[in-house]
Amino acid sequence: MVHLESNAFERIKNGDEKAFDYIFDTYYTGLCIFANKYVEDIDLAEDIVQELFIKIWEKREQLNINNSLKSYLFQSVNNSCLNHLKHLKIRDNYKKHISCYKTDELHLDTLVEEELNLRIYNSIESLPEKCKIIFKLSRFGGLKYKEIAEKLEISIKTVKVQIGKALKTLRHDLQDYLPLLLIFKVLL
């Protein structure tokens, strides 16, 4: 198995999508279960694992895995989960800190709110059409990945990858607005 993993990773580095699919299919479910033990939210666990696979594909030429691929994948998910939990702790501390102020002081200027809403709208609208449709069905339509896959006659894997791409784009486009997003409790 180690030789197959090593060979598959070398093929991934050379852009072999079948090798990538092999690694994805082999480890995706186990990594999601592993991540869910940390974050206790299966959708978030799937997002974390999807981000890992997107990162692997996008940075495949620069990656060097010195230990087994399986160890690398699980350690990467472990690190991502711990980073997420640290982020939640920071956010909770921030909420506690700002709760000391009067609620009147928390109201943001209407202009800022409108700008944020426009930025979110523009970010979503800038997504590729297929990605945008899948994201809207998931986040605004309330559909599960399986329901989206059935409705659009695509694989669940495609839905997961497209949602991952959409979230990555939104996080990038809205990174300057993170403090405002926390205040408005906008869930992406």
C-alpha atoms as a PDB file:
ATOM      1  CA  MET A   1       0.000   0.000   0.000  1.00  0.00           C
ATOM      2  CA  VAL A   2       2.818   2.434   0.863  1.00  0.00           C
ATOM      3  CA  HIS A   3       4.345   1.872  -2.580  1.00  0.00           C
ATOM      4  CA  LEU A   4       0.960   2.494  -4.247  1.00  0.00           C
ATOM      5  CA  GLU A   5       0.517   5.669  -2.212  1.00  0.00           C
ATOM      6  CA  SER A   6       4.020   6.846  -3.043  1.00  0.00           C
ATOM      7  CA  ASN A   7       3.477   6.090  -6.713  1.00  0.00           C
ATOM      8  CA  ALA A   8       0.066   7.789  -6.671  1.00  0.00           C
ATOM      9  CA  PHE A   9       1.520  10.900  -5.069  1.00  0.00           C
ATOM     10  CA  GLU A  10       4.281  11.102  -7.665  1.00  0.00           C
ATOM     11  CA  ARG A  11       1.642  10.774 -10.377  1.00  0.00           C
ATOM     12  CA  ILE A  12      -0.414  13.541  -8.702  1.00  0.00           C
ATOM     13  CA  LYS A  13       2.660  15.789  -8.737  1.00  0.00           C
ATOM     14  CA  ASN A  14       2.720  15.243 -12.501  1.00  0.00           C
ATOM     15  CA  GLY A  15      -0.959  16.236 -12.840  1.00  0.00           C
ATOM     16  CA  ASP A  16      -2.511  12.745 -12.995  1.00  0.00           C
ATOM     17  CA  GLU A  17      -6.168  13.264 -12.054  1.00  0.00           C
ATOM     18  CA  LYS A  18      -6.847   9.513 -11.803  1.00  0.00           C
ATOM     19  CA  ALA A  19      -4.178   9.193  -9.130  1.00  0.00           C
ATOM     20  CA  PHE A  20      -5.719  12.165  -7.319  1.00  0.00           C
ATOM     21  CA  ASP A  21      -9.167  10.527  -7.537  1.00  0.00           C
ATOM     22  CA  TYR A  22      -7.654   7.314  -6.142  1.00  0.00           C
ATOM     23  CA  ILE A  23      -6.227   9.127  -3.117  1.00  0.00           C
ATOM     24  CA  PHE A  24      -9.443  11.138  -2.671  1.00  0.00           C
ATOM     25  CA  ASP A  25     -11.656   8.039  -2.863  1.00  0.00           C
ATOM     26  CA  THR A  26      -9.356   6.069  -0.555  1.00  0.00           C
ATOM     27  CA  TYR A  27      -9.078   8.628   2.245  1.00  0.00           C
ATOM     28  CA  TYR A  28     -11.941  11.137   1.988  1.00  0.00           C
ATOM     29  CA  THR A  29     -14.469   9.354   4.210  1.00  0.00           C
ATOM     30  CA  GLY A  30     -11.936   8.390   6.871  1.00  0.00           C
ATOM     31  CA  LEU A  31     -10.537  11.918   6.980  1.00  0.00           C
ATOM     32  CA  CYS A  32     -14.044  13.378   7.351  1.00  0.00           C
ATOM     33  CA  ILE A  33     -14.809  11.034  10.250  1.00  0.00           C
ATOM     34  CA  PHE A  34     -11.460  11.931  11.828  1.00  0.00           C
ATOM     35  CA  ALA A  35     -12.084  15.681  11.428  1.00  0.00           C
ATOM     36  CA  ASN A  36     -15.626  15.361  12.763  1.00  0.00           C
ATOM     37  CA  LYS A  37     -14.256  13.991  16.039  1.00  0.00           C
ATOM     38  CA  TYR A  38     -12.572  17.371  16.537  1.00  0.00           C
ATOM     39  CA  VAL A  39     -15.090  19.846  15.177  1.00  0.00           C
ATOM     40  CA  GLU A  40     -18.304  17.900  15.863  1.00  0.00           C
ATOM     41  CA  ASP A  41     -19.926  19.201  12.680  1.00  0.00           C
ATOM     42  CA  ILE A  42     -19.894  16.892   9.668  1.00  0.00           C
ATOM     43  CA  ASP A  43     -20.362  19.704   7.126  1.00  0.00           C
ATOM     44  CA  LEU A  44     -17.439  21.614   8.634  1.00  0.00           C
ATOM     45  CA  ALA A  45     -15.383  18.407   8.747  1.00  0.00           C
ATOM     46  CA  GLU A  46     -16.084  17.886   5.040  1.00  0.00           C
ATOM     47  CA  ASP A  47     -15.096  21.493   4.307  1.00  0.00           C
ATOM     48  CA  ILE A  48     -11.783  20.993   6.124  1.00  0.00           C
ATOM     49  CA  VAL A  49     -11.019  17.808   4.213  1.00  0.00           C
ATOM     50  CA  GLN A  50     -12.057  19.380   0.902  1.00  0.00           C
ATOM     51  CA  GLU A  51      -9.770  22.331   1.562  1.00  0.00           C
ATOM     52  CA  LEU A  52      -6.922  19.881   2.121  1.00  0.00           C
ATOM     53  CA  PHE A  53      -7.531  18.108  -1.185  1.00  0.00           C
ATOM     54  CA  ILE A  54      -7.898  21.409  -3.042  1.00  0.00           C
ATOM     55  CA  LYS A  55      -4.609  22.581  -1.510  1.00  0.00           C
ATOM     56  CA  ILE A  56      -2.903  19.312  -2.462  1.00  0.00           C
ATOM     57  CA  TRP A  57      -4.062  19.616  -6.054  1.00  0.00           C
ATOM     58  CA  GLU A  58      -3.232  23.306  -6.399  1.00  0.00           C
ATOM     59  CA  LYS A  59       0.207  22.968  -4.758  1.00  0.00           C
ATOM     60  CA  ARG A  60       0.987  19.445  -5.942  1.00  0.00           C
ATOM     61  CA  GLU A  61       4.210  20.438  -7.674  1.00  0.00           C
ATOM     62  CA  GLN A  62       5.677  22.049  -4.529  1.00  0.00           C
ATOM     63  CA  LEU A  63       4.598  19.403  -2.001  1.00  0.00           C
ATOM     64  CA  ASN A  64       7.115  16.985  -0.597  1.00  0.00           C
ATOM     65  CA  ILE A  65       5.816  14.191   1.587  1.00  0.00           C
ATOM     66  CA  ASN A  66       8.592  12.659   3.652  1.00  0.00           C
ATOM     67  CA  ASN A  67       6.505  10.143   5.576  1.00  0.00           C
ATOM     68  CA  SER A  68       3.572   8.030   4.386  1.00  0.00           C
ATOM     69  CA  LEU A  69       0.826   9.762   2.434  1.00  0.00           C
ATOM     70  CA  LYS A  70      -1.740   8.514   4.944  1.00  0.00           C
ATOM     71  CA  SER A  71       0.212  10.079   7.833  1.00  0.00           C
ATOM     72  CA  TYR A  72       0.561  13.322   5.891  1.00  0.00           C
ATOM     73  CA  LEU A  73      -3.186  13.497   5.173  1.00  0.00           C
ATOM     74  CA  PHE A  74      -4.274  12.762   8.732  1.00  0.00           C
ATOM     75  CA  GLN A  75      -1.678  15.129  10.222  1.00  0.00           C
ATOM     76  CA  SER A  76      -2.809  17.892   7.842  1.00  0.00           C
ATOM     77  CA  VAL A  77      -6.453  17.396   8.837  1.00  0.00           C
ATOM     78  CA  ASN A  78      -5.425  17.306  12.501  1.00  0.00           C
ATOM     79  CA  ASN A  79      -3.599  20.637  12.104  1.00  0.00           C
ATOM     80  CA  SER A  80      -6.506  22.223  10.232  1.00  0.00           C
ATOM     81  CA  CYS A  81      -8.955  21.125  12.930  1.00  0.00           C
ATOM     82  CA  LEU A  82      -6.749  22.486  15.689  1.00  0.00           C
ATOM     83  CA  ASN A  83      -6.404  25.786  13.821  1.00  0.00           C
ATOM     84  CA  HIS A  84     -10.172  25.947  13.448  1.00  0.00           C
ATOM     85  CA  LEU A  85     -10.672  25.314  17.173  1.00  0.00           C
ATOM     86  CA  LYS A  86      -8.105  28.028  18.000  1.00  0.00           C
ATOM     87  CA  HIS A  87     -10.000  30.397  15.707  1.00  0.00           C
ATOM     88  CA  LEU A  88     -13.251  29.599  17.539  1.00  0.00           C
ATOM     89  CA  LYS A  89     -11.594  30.321  20.861  1.00  0.00           C
ATOM     90  CA  ILE A  90     -10.322  33.668  19.588  1.00  0.00           C
ATOM     91  CA  ARG A  91     -13.771  34.479  18.208  1.00  0.00           C
ATOM     92  CA  ASP A  92     -15.419  33.566  21.519  1.00  0.00           C
ATOM     93  CA  ASN A  93     -12.966  35.738  23.416  1.00  0.00           C
ATOM     94  CA  TYR A  94     -13.700  38.580  21.009  1.00  0.00           C
ATOM     95  CA  LYS A  95     -17.443  38.157  21.531  1.00  0.00           C
ATOM     96  CA  LYS A  96     -16.969  38.243  25.295  1.00  0.00           C
ATOM     97  CA  HIS A  97     -14.864  41.361  24.955  1.00  0.00           C
ATOM     98  CA  ILE A  98     -17.336  43.259  22.808  1.00  0.00           C
ATOM     99  CA  SER A  99     -20.317  42.141  24.887  1.00  0.00           C
ATOM    100  CA  CYS A 100     -18.987  44.479  27.583  1.00  0.00           C
ATOM    101  CA  TYR A 101     -19.991  47.428  25.436  1.00  0.00           C
ATOM    102  CA  LYS A 102     -23.502  48.741  25.078  1.00  0.00           C
ATOM    103  CA  THR A 103     -25.426  47.244  22.197  1.00  0.00           C
ATOM    104  CA  ASP A 104     -25.905  50.742  20.771  1.00  0.00           C
ATOM    105  CA  GLU A 105     -22.168  50.936  20.221  1.00  0.00           C
ATOM    106  CA  LEU A 106     -22.261  47.708  18.179  1.00  0.00           C
ATOM    107  CA  HIS A 107     -24.509  49.143  15.475  1.00  0.00           C
ATOM    108  CA  LEU A 108     -22.500  49.792  12.375  1.00  0.00           C
ATOM    109  CA  ASP A 109     -23.083  52.605   9.989  1.00  0.00           C
ATOM    110  CA  THR A 110     -25.625  51.692   7.293  1.00  0.00           C
ATOM    111  CA  LEU A 111     -23.059  52.427   4.622  1.00  0.00           C
ATOM    112  CA  VAL A 112     -20.665  49.834   6.001  1.00  0.00           C
ATOM    113  CA  GLU A 113     -23.421  47.246   6.197  1.00  0.00           C
ATOM    114  CA  GLU A 114     -24.481  47.954   2.614  1.00  0.00           C
ATOM    115  CA  GLU A 115     -20.889  47.710   1.442  1.00  0.00           C
ATOM    116  CA  LEU A 116     -20.475  44.355   3.166  1.00  0.00           C
ATOM    117  CA  ASN A 117     -23.697  43.003   1.659  1.00  0.00           C
ATOM    118  CA  LEU A 118     -22.612  44.192  -1.766  1.00  0.00           C
ATOM    119  CA  ARG A 119     -19.199  42.557  -1.335  1.00  0.00           C
ATOM    120  CA  ILE A 120     -20.817  39.237  -0.371  1.00  0.00           C
ATOM    121  CA  TYR A 121     -23.221  39.442  -3.309  1.00  0.00           C
ATOM    122  CA  ASN A 122     -20.437  40.302  -5.768  1.00  0.00           C
ATOM    123  CA  SER A 123     -18.229  37.514  -4.465  1.00  0.00           C
ATOM    124  CA  ILE A 124     -20.996  34.954  -4.923  1.00  0.00           C
ATOM    125  CA  GLU A 125     -21.896  36.311  -8.353  1.00  0.00           C
ATOM    126  CA  SER A 126     -18.245  36.142  -9.468  1.00  0.00           C
ATOM    127  CA  LEU A 127     -18.159  32.388  -8.968  1.00  0.00           C
ATOM    128  CA  PRO A 128     -18.202  30.199 -12.079  1.00  0.00           C
ATOM    129  CA  GLU A 129     -21.810  29.441 -13.040  1.00  0.00           C
ATOM    130  CA  LYS A 130     -21.863  25.787 -11.964  1.00  0.00           C
ATOM    131  CA  CYS A 131     -20.111  26.597  -8.704  1.00  0.00           C
ATOM    132  CA  LYS A 132     -22.503  29.497  -8.029  1.00  0.00           C
ATOM    133  CA  ILE A 133     -25.596  27.355  -8.614  1.00  0.00           C
ATOM    134  CA  ILE A 134     -24.338  24.580  -6.341  1.00  0.00           C
ATOM    135  CA  PHE A 135     -23.348  27.055  -3.619  1.00  0.00           C
ATOM    136  CA  LYS A 136     -26.705  28.841  -3.706  1.00  0.00           C
ATOM    137  CA  LEU A 137     -28.604  25.552  -3.557  1.00  0.00           C
ATOM    138  CA  SER A 138     -26.554  24.535  -0.534  1.00  0.00           C
ATOM    139  CA  ARG A 139     -26.414  27.756   1.443  1.00  0.00           C
ATOM    140  CA  PHE A 140     -29.607  29.556   0.422  1.00  0.00           C
ATOM    141  CA  GLY A 141     -31.734  26.632  -0.720  1.00  0.00           C
ATOM    142  CA  GLY A 142     -30.868  24.544   2.316  1.00  0.00           C
ATOM    143  CA  LEU A 143     -30.254  21.421   0.228  1.00  0.00           C
ATOM    144  CA  LYS A 144     -27.895  18.671   1.354  1.00  0.00           C
ATOM    145  CA  TYR A 145     -25.049  17.629  -0.946  1.00  0.00           C
ATOM    146  CA  LYS A 146     -26.907  14.462  -1.964  1.00  0.00           C
ATOM    147  CA  GLU A 147     -30.048  16.461  -2.853  1.00  0.00           C
ATOM    148  CA  ILE A 148     -28.014  18.882  -4.962  1.00  0.00           C
ATOM    149  CA  ALA A 149     -26.282  16.006  -6.737  1.00  0.00           C
ATOM    150  CA  GLU A 150     -29.622  14.397  -7.561  1.00  0.00           C
ATOM    151  CA  LYS A 151     -31.227  17.664  -8.643  1.00  0.00           C
ATOM    152  CA  LEU A 152     -28.329  18.598 -10.967  1.00  0.00           C
ATOM    153  CA  GLU A 153     -27.569  15.013 -11.991  1.00  0.00           C
ATOM    154  CA  ILE A 154     -23.947  15.221 -10.879  1.00  0.00           C
ATOM    155  CA  SER A 155     -21.863  13.278  -8.377  1.00  0.00           C
ATOM    156  CA  ILE A 156     -21.780  14.145  -4.693  1.00  0.00           C
ATOM    157  CA  LYS A 157     -18.015  14.460  -5.059  1.00  0.00           C
ATOM    158  CA  THR A 158     -18.516  17.199  -7.667  1.00  0.00           C
ATOM    159  CA  VAL A 159     -20.883  19.016  -5.300  1.00  0.00           C
ATOM    160  CA  LYS A 160     -18.337  18.801  -2.475  1.00  0.00           C
ATOM    161  CA  VAL A 161     -15.480  20.065  -4.630  1.00  0.00           C
ATOM    162  CA  GLN A 162     -17.558  22.959  -5.993  1.00  0.00           C
ATOM    163  CA  ILE A 163     -18.709  23.986  -2.491  1.00  0.00           C
ATOM    164  CA  GLY A 164     -15.066  23.858  -1.384  1.00  0.00           C
ATOM    165  CA  LYS A 165     -14.035  26.122  -4.252  1.00  0.00           C
ATOM    166  CA  ALA A 166     -16.872  28.546  -3.494  1.00  0.00           C
ATOM    167  CA  LEU A 167     -15.959  28.746   0.188  1.00  0.00           C
ATOM    168  CA  LYS A 168     -12.312  29.317  -0.633  1.00  0.00           C
ATOM    169  CA  THR A 169     -13.226  32.167  -2.989  1.00  0.00           C
ATOM    170  CA  LEU A 170     -15.584  33.750  -0.463  1.00  0.00           C
ATOM    171  CA  ARG A 171     -13.052  33.492   2.351  1.00  0.00           C
ATOM    172  CA  HIS A 172     -10.459  35.150   0.139  1.00  0.00           C
ATOM    173  CA  ASP A 173     -12.793  37.883  -1.134  1.00  0.00           C
ATOM    174  CA  LEU A 174     -14.175  38.670   2.322  1.00  0.00           C
ATOM    175  CA  GLN A 175     -11.010  38.348   4.414  1.00  0.00           C
ATOM    176  CA  ASP A 176     -10.936  42.103   5.051  1.00  0.00           C
ATOM    177  CA  TYR A 177     -14.462  41.897   6.417  1.00  0.00           C
ATOM    178  CA  LEU A 178     -13.957  39.058   8.900  1.00  0.00           C
ATOM    179  CA  PRO A 179     -14.537  41.246  11.979  1.00  0.00           C
ATOM    180  CA  LEU A 180     -17.763  42.547  10.455  1.00  0.00           C
ATOM    181  CA  LEU A 181     -18.860  39.054   9.484  1.00  0.00           C
ATOM    182  CA  LEU A 182     -18.409  37.928  13.053  1.00  0.00           C
ATOM    183  CA  ILE A 183     -20.465  40.805  14.323  1.00  0.00           C
ATOM    184  CA  PHE A 184     -23.250  40.201  11.809  1.00  0.00           C
ATOM    185  CA  LYS A 185     -22.984  36.429  12.363  1.00  0.00           C
ATOM    186  CA  VAL A 186     -22.923  35.798   8.657  1.00  0.00           C
ATOM    187  CA  LEU A 187     -22.320  32.102   8.148  1.00  0.00           C
ATOM    188  CA  LEU A 188     -20.501  31.143   4.979  1.00  0.00           C
END
